[in-house]
Amino acid sequence: MQFAAIIIGVLAVWRLTHLLQAEDGPWNLLFRLRRMAGAGFWGQLLDCFYCLSLWVSLPATLLLAESVREGVLLWLGLSGGAILLERMMARAVVYAEDPVNLGKEHDDAMLR
């Protein structure tokens, strides 16, 4: 298996998973798909990037793998690569202090 095929596979899995999980798509089609899926199994699957990446990486694995042993490792690797990309692309959470109470001690506040 070529290294370029693995990289392209990871990018394709990330793109499709991100499209299904986080984007509205043209004419809000994917938003409507997620809304129709509801709160059942399919709705929960479309809400979880980690879970969805496993299922999206399965067809990519079937296209790229040359043996069963390679397929199992590639399946998990493509999903893991997509998850790493998603975590790298996620926006950082900003922590802000309350400017009114900045520097004041509170008895009920947790120590940092």
N, C-alpha and C. Protein backbone atom coordinates (compact mmCIF):
# COMPACT_ATOMS: atom_id res chain seq x y z
N MET A 1 0.84 -1.18 0.00
CA MET A 1 0.00 0.00 0.00
C MET A 1 0.89 1.24 0.00
N GLN A 2 0.52 2.22 -0.76
CA GLN A 2 1.31 3.43 -0.86
C GLN A 2 0.92 4.43 0.22
N PHE A 3 1.92 5.17 0.66
CA PHE A 3 1.72 6.18 1.70
C PHE A 3 0.72 7.24 1.24
N ALA A 4 0.80 7.63 -0.02
CA ALA A 4 -0.11 8.66 -0.55
C ALA A 4 -1.56 8.19 -0.47
N ALA A 5 -1.81 6.91 -0.70
CA ALA A 5 -3.17 6.38 -0.62
C ALA A 5 -3.72 6.47 0.80
N ILE A 6 -2.85 6.24 1.77
CA ILE A 6 -3.28 6.34 3.17
C ILE A 6 -3.63 7.78 3.52
N ILE A 7 -2.78 8.72 3.11
CA ILE A 7 -3.02 10.13 3.39
C ILE A 7 -4.32 10.59 2.72
N ILE A 8 -4.50 10.22 1.47
CA ILE A 8 -5.73 10.59 0.76
C ILE A 8 -6.94 9.94 1.42
N GLY A 9 -6.80 8.70 1.88
CA GLY A 9 -7.89 8.03 2.59
C GLY A 9 -8.26 8.74 3.88
N VAL A 10 -7.26 9.14 4.66
CA VAL A 10 -7.53 9.87 5.91
C VAL A 10 -8.25 11.18 5.61
N LEU A 11 -7.77 11.91 4.61
CA LEU A 11 -8.40 13.19 4.25
C LEU A 11 -9.84 13.00 3.78
N ALA A 12 -10.07 11.95 2.99
CA ALA A 12 -11.42 11.68 2.50
C ALA A 12 -12.35 11.29 3.64
N VAL A 13 -11.87 10.46 4.55
CA VAL A 13 -12.69 10.05 5.70
C VAL A 13 -13.01 11.27 6.56
N TRP A 14 -12.00 12.11 6.82
CA TRP A 14 -12.25 13.31 7.63
C TRP A 14 -13.27 14.21 6.95
N ARG A 15 -13.11 14.43 5.64
CA ARG A 15 -14.00 15.35 4.94
C ARG A 15 -15.43 14.87 4.96
N LEU A 16 -15.64 13.62 4.65
CA LEU A 16 -17.00 13.09 4.61
C LEU A 16 -17.61 13.04 6.01
N THR A 17 -16.83 12.64 6.99
CA THR A 17 -17.34 12.59 8.36
C THR A 17 -17.69 13.99 8.85
N HIS A 18 -16.83 14.95 8.59
CA HIS A 18 -17.10 16.33 9.00
C HIS A 18 -18.34 16.87 8.29
N LEU A 19 -18.47 16.56 7.01
CA LEU A 19 -19.64 17.00 6.25
C LEU A 19 -20.93 16.45 6.86
N LEU A 20 -20.94 15.17 7.17
CA LEU A 20 -22.15 14.55 7.72
C LEU A 20 -22.45 15.00 9.14
N GLN A 21 -21.41 15.24 9.93
CA GLN A 21 -21.60 15.51 11.36
C GLN A 21 -21.76 16.99 11.68
N ALA A 22 -21.08 17.88 10.96
CA ALA A 22 -21.01 19.26 11.42
C ALA A 22 -21.49 20.31 10.42
N GLU A 23 -21.71 19.96 9.19
CA GLU A 23 -22.07 20.97 8.20
C GLU A 23 -23.53 20.82 7.78
N ASP A 24 -24.10 21.93 7.30
CA ASP A 24 -25.49 21.92 6.86
C ASP A 24 -25.65 21.45 5.43
N GLY A 25 -24.61 21.64 4.62
CA GLY A 25 -24.66 21.20 3.23
C GLY A 25 -25.47 22.15 2.36
N PRO A 26 -25.45 21.89 1.07
CA PRO A 26 -26.22 22.75 0.16
C PRO A 26 -27.72 22.59 0.42
N TRP A 27 -28.40 23.71 0.41
CA TRP A 27 -29.85 23.76 0.66
C TRP A 27 -30.24 23.12 1.99
N ASN A 28 -29.32 23.10 2.95
CA ASN A 28 -29.56 22.52 4.29
C ASN A 28 -29.95 21.04 4.22
N LEU A 29 -29.49 20.33 3.21
CA LEU A 29 -29.85 18.91 3.08
C LEU A 29 -29.32 18.08 4.24
N LEU A 30 -28.08 18.30 4.63
CA LEU A 30 -27.51 17.49 5.71
C LEU A 30 -28.09 17.88 7.07
N PHE A 31 -28.43 19.13 7.22
CA PHE A 31 -29.12 19.56 8.45
C PHE A 31 -30.46 18.84 8.56
N ARG A 32 -31.20 18.78 7.44
CA ARG A 32 -32.49 18.09 7.45
C ARG A 32 -32.33 16.59 7.67
N LEU A 33 -31.26 16.02 7.12
CA LEU A 33 -30.98 14.60 7.33
C LEU A 33 -30.75 14.31 8.82
N ARG A 34 -29.95 15.15 9.46
CA ARG A 34 -29.70 14.95 10.91
C ARG A 34 -30.97 15.15 11.71
N ARG A 35 -31.80 16.10 11.32
CA ARG A 35 -33.05 16.34 12.04
C ARG A 35 -34.01 15.17 11.86
N MET A 36 -34.07 14.60 10.65
CA MET A 36 -34.93 13.44 10.41
C MET A 36 -34.44 12.21 11.17
N ALA A 37 -33.12 12.12 11.38
CA ALA A 37 -32.56 10.97 12.10
C ALA A 37 -33.03 10.97 13.55
N GLY A 38 -33.33 12.14 14.09
CA GLY A 38 -33.87 12.24 15.44
C GLY A 38 -32.87 11.88 16.51
N ALA A 39 -33.39 11.33 17.61
CA ALA A 39 -32.57 11.02 18.77
C ALA A 39 -32.27 9.53 18.88
N GLY A 40 -32.64 8.75 17.88
CA GLY A 40 -32.39 7.32 17.91
C GLY A 40 -30.94 6.99 17.56
N PHE A 41 -30.73 5.75 17.13
CA PHE A 41 -29.39 5.29 16.80
C PHE A 41 -28.74 6.14 15.73
N TRP A 42 -29.47 6.40 14.63
CA TRP A 42 -28.90 7.16 13.51
C TRP A 42 -28.62 8.61 13.91
N GLY A 43 -29.49 9.19 14.70
CA GLY A 43 -29.27 10.56 15.16
C GLY A 43 -28.05 10.67 16.05
N GLN A 44 -27.89 9.71 16.95
CA GLN A 44 -26.71 9.71 17.82
C GLN A 44 -25.44 9.45 17.03
N LEU A 45 -25.53 8.61 16.01
CA LEU A 45 -24.37 8.33 15.17
C LEU A 45 -23.93 9.59 14.42
N LEU A 46 -24.88 10.34 13.90
CA LEU A 46 -24.56 11.56 13.16
C LEU A 46 -24.09 12.69 14.08
N ASP A 47 -24.34 12.59 15.36
CA ASP A 47 -23.90 13.60 16.31
C ASP A 47 -22.48 13.36 16.81
N CYS A 48 -21.98 12.15 16.71
CA CYS A 48 -20.67 11.79 17.28
C CYS A 48 -19.64 11.62 16.17
N PHE A 49 -18.66 12.54 16.10
CA PHE A 49 -17.64 12.46 15.07
C PHE A 49 -16.85 11.16 15.19
N TYR A 50 -16.51 10.78 16.41
CA TYR A 50 -15.70 9.58 16.63
C TYR A 50 -16.41 8.32 16.13
N CYS A 51 -17.67 8.18 16.46
CA CYS A 51 -18.44 7.01 16.04
C CYS A 51 -18.64 7.00 14.52
N LEU A 52 -18.99 8.16 13.99
CA LEU A 52 -19.26 8.27 12.57
C LEU A 52 -18.02 8.00 11.73
N SER A 53 -16.85 8.41 12.24
CA SER A 53 -15.62 8.19 11.47
C SER A 53 -15.31 6.70 11.31
N LEU A 54 -15.69 5.89 12.28
CA LEU A 54 -15.52 4.44 12.13
C LEU A 54 -16.35 3.89 10.98
N TRP A 55 -17.58 4.36 10.86
CA TRP A 55 -18.45 3.85 9.81
C TRP A 55 -18.08 4.42 8.45
N VAL A 56 -17.63 5.66 8.41
CA VAL A 56 -17.23 6.26 7.13
C VAL A 56 -15.93 5.63 6.63
N SER A 57 -15.05 5.27 7.55
CA SER A 57 -13.77 4.69 7.14
C SER A 57 -13.91 3.24 6.64
N LEU A 58 -15.00 2.59 6.94
CA LEU A 58 -15.19 1.20 6.52
C LEU A 58 -15.20 1.03 4.99
N PRO A 59 -16.00 1.81 4.24
CA PRO A 59 -15.94 1.64 2.78
C PRO A 59 -14.58 2.05 2.19
N ALA A 60 -13.95 3.05 2.78
CA ALA A 60 -12.61 3.44 2.30
C ALA A 60 -11.62 2.30 2.52
N THR A 61 -11.75 1.61 3.62
CA THR A 61 -10.89 0.47 3.91
C THR A 61 -11.11 -0.65 2.91
N LEU A 62 -12.36 -0.91 2.57
CA LEU A 62 -12.66 -1.97 1.61
C LEU A 62 -12.07 -1.65 0.23
N LEU A 63 -11.97 -0.36 -0.09
CA LEU A 63 -11.38 0.03 -1.37
C LEU A 63 -9.85 -0.07 -1.36
N LEU A 64 -9.23 0.20 -0.21
CA LEU A 64 -7.77 0.33 -0.15
C LEU A 64 -7.04 -0.92 0.33
N ALA A 65 -7.67 -1.73 1.18
CA ALA A 65 -6.97 -2.85 1.81
C ALA A 65 -6.75 -3.99 0.83
N GLU A 66 -5.60 -4.64 0.98
CA GLU A 66 -5.25 -5.77 0.12
C GLU A 66 -5.41 -7.11 0.83
N SER A 67 -5.53 -7.09 2.16
CA SER A 67 -5.75 -8.32 2.92
C SER A 67 -6.62 -8.00 4.13
N VAL A 68 -7.12 -9.04 4.78
CA VAL A 68 -7.98 -8.84 5.94
C VAL A 68 -7.19 -8.22 7.09
N ARG A 69 -6.00 -8.70 7.33
CA ARG A 69 -5.16 -8.17 8.41
C ARG A 69 -4.86 -6.68 8.17
N GLU A 70 -4.49 -6.35 6.95
CA GLU A 70 -4.23 -4.96 6.60
C GLU A 70 -5.51 -4.13 6.71
N GLY A 71 -6.64 -4.73 6.37
CA GLY A 71 -7.92 -4.04 6.42
C GLY A 71 -8.31 -3.61 7.82
N VAL A 72 -8.12 -4.50 8.78
CA VAL A 72 -8.47 -4.16 10.17
C VAL A 72 -7.62 -2.99 10.66
N LEU A 73 -6.32 -3.06 10.40
CA LEU A 73 -5.43 -1.97 10.83
C LEU A 73 -5.73 -0.68 10.08
N LEU A 74 -6.01 -0.79 8.80
CA LEU A 74 -6.31 0.39 8.00
C LEU A 74 -7.62 1.03 8.43
N TRP A 75 -8.61 0.21 8.74
CA TRP A 75 -9.91 0.70 9.19
C TRP A 75 -9.75 1.59 10.43
N LEU A 76 -9.04 1.06 11.42
CA LEU A 76 -8.82 1.84 12.64
C LEU A 76 -7.90 3.03 12.39
N GLY A 77 -6.91 2.85 11.52
CA GLY A 77 -5.98 3.93 11.22
C GLY A 77 -6.64 5.09 10.49
N LEU A 78 -7.50 4.80 9.53
CA LEU A 78 -8.19 5.87 8.81
C LEU A 78 -9.11 6.64 9.75
N SER A 79 -9.82 5.93 10.61
CA SER A 79 -10.68 6.58 11.58
C SER A 79 -9.85 7.41 12.56
N GLY A 80 -8.76 6.84 13.05
CA GLY A 80 -7.89 7.57 13.99
C GLY A 80 -7.27 8.80 13.36
N GLY A 81 -6.85 8.69 12.11
CA GLY A 81 -6.29 9.84 11.41
C GLY A 81 -7.32 10.95 11.24
N ALA A 82 -8.54 10.57 10.91
CA ALA A 82 -9.61 11.57 10.77
C ALA A 82 -9.91 12.24 12.11
N ILE A 83 -9.88 11.47 13.18
CA ILE A 83 -10.12 12.03 14.52
C ILE A 83 -9.00 12.99 14.90
N LEU A 84 -7.76 12.63 14.60
CA LEU A 84 -6.65 13.55 14.88
C LEU A 84 -6.79 14.85 14.10
N LEU A 85 -7.17 14.75 12.83
CA LEU A 85 -7.39 15.96 12.04
C LEU A 85 -8.51 16.81 12.63
N GLU A 86 -9.57 16.18 13.05
CA GLU A 86 -10.70 16.91 13.64
C GLU A 86 -10.27 17.63 14.91
N ARG A 87 -9.49 16.97 15.73
CA ARG A 87 -9.03 17.58 16.98
C ARG A 87 -8.06 18.73 16.70
N MET A 88 -7.26 18.61 15.65
CA MET A 88 -6.33 19.69 15.31
C MET A 88 -7.08 20.89 14.73
N MET A 89 -8.19 20.64 14.05
CA MET A 89 -8.94 21.72 13.42
C MET A 89 -9.96 22.35 14.36
N ALA A 90 -10.23 21.74 15.49
CA ALA A 90 -11.23 22.27 16.42
C ALA A 90 -10.74 23.59 16.99
N ARG A 91 -11.67 24.47 17.18
CA ARG A 91 -11.34 25.77 17.76
C ARG A 91 -11.06 25.61 19.24
N ALA A 92 -10.09 26.37 19.70
CA ALA A 92 -9.72 26.32 21.12
C ALA A 92 -10.82 26.97 21.97
N VAL A 93 -11.04 26.41 23.13
CA VAL A 93 -12.00 26.97 24.06
C VAL A 93 -11.32 28.10 24.81
N VAL A 94 -11.95 29.24 24.81
CA VAL A 94 -11.37 30.42 25.46
C VAL A 94 -11.95 30.52 26.86
N TYR A 95 -11.07 30.68 27.83
CA TYR A 95 -11.50 30.85 29.21
C TYR A 95 -11.38 32.32 29.54
N ALA A 96 -12.44 32.90 30.04
CA ALA A 96 -12.42 34.32 30.37
C ALA A 96 -12.79 34.51 31.83
N GLU A 97 -12.05 35.36 32.49
CA GLU A 97 -12.36 35.73 33.86
C GLU A 97 -13.52 36.72 33.87
N ASP A 98 -14.26 36.72 34.93
CA ASP A 98 -15.31 37.71 35.11
C ASP A 98 -14.64 39.04 35.44
N PRO A 99 -14.74 40.06 34.57
CA PRO A 99 -14.01 41.31 34.81
C PRO A 99 -14.48 42.06 36.05
N VAL A 100 -15.72 41.84 36.48
CA VAL A 100 -16.24 42.52 37.66
C VAL A 100 -15.58 41.99 38.92
N ASN A 101 -15.37 40.69 38.99
CA ASN A 101 -14.83 40.07 40.19
C ASN A 101 -13.36 39.69 40.06
N LEU A 102 -12.68 40.27 39.10
CA LEU A 102 -11.29 39.95 38.85
C LEU A 102 -10.43 40.33 40.05
N GLY A 103 -9.69 39.40 40.57
CA GLY A 103 -8.79 39.66 41.69
C GLY A 103 -9.43 39.55 43.05
N LYS A 104 -10.73 39.40 43.14
CA LYS A 104 -11.41 39.29 44.44
C LYS A 104 -11.44 37.82 44.85
N GLU A 105 -11.28 37.58 46.12
CA GLU A 105 -11.33 36.22 46.66
C GLU A 105 -12.77 35.86 46.99
N HIS A 106 -13.11 34.62 46.74
CA HIS A 106 -14.44 34.11 47.06
C HIS A 106 -14.27 32.84 47.87
N ASP A 107 -15.05 32.71 48.94
CA ASP A 107 -14.97 31.52 49.77
C ASP A 107 -15.49 30.28 49.06
N ASP A 108 -16.43 30.47 48.13
CA ASP A 108 -17.02 29.33 47.46
C ASP A 108 -16.34 29.00 46.12
N ALA A 109 -15.28 29.69 45.80
CA ALA A 109 -14.60 29.46 44.53
C ALA A 109 -13.60 28.31 44.66
N MET A 110 -13.45 27.55 43.60
CA MET A 110 -12.49 26.47 43.59
C MET A 110 -11.10 27.04 43.35
N LEU A 111 -10.13 26.52 44.10
CA LEU A 111 -8.75 26.99 43.93
C LEU A 111 -8.18 26.44 42.63
N ARG A 112 -7.38 27.28 41.94
CA ARG A 112 -6.77 26.85 40.69
C ARG A 112 -5.31 26.65 40.88
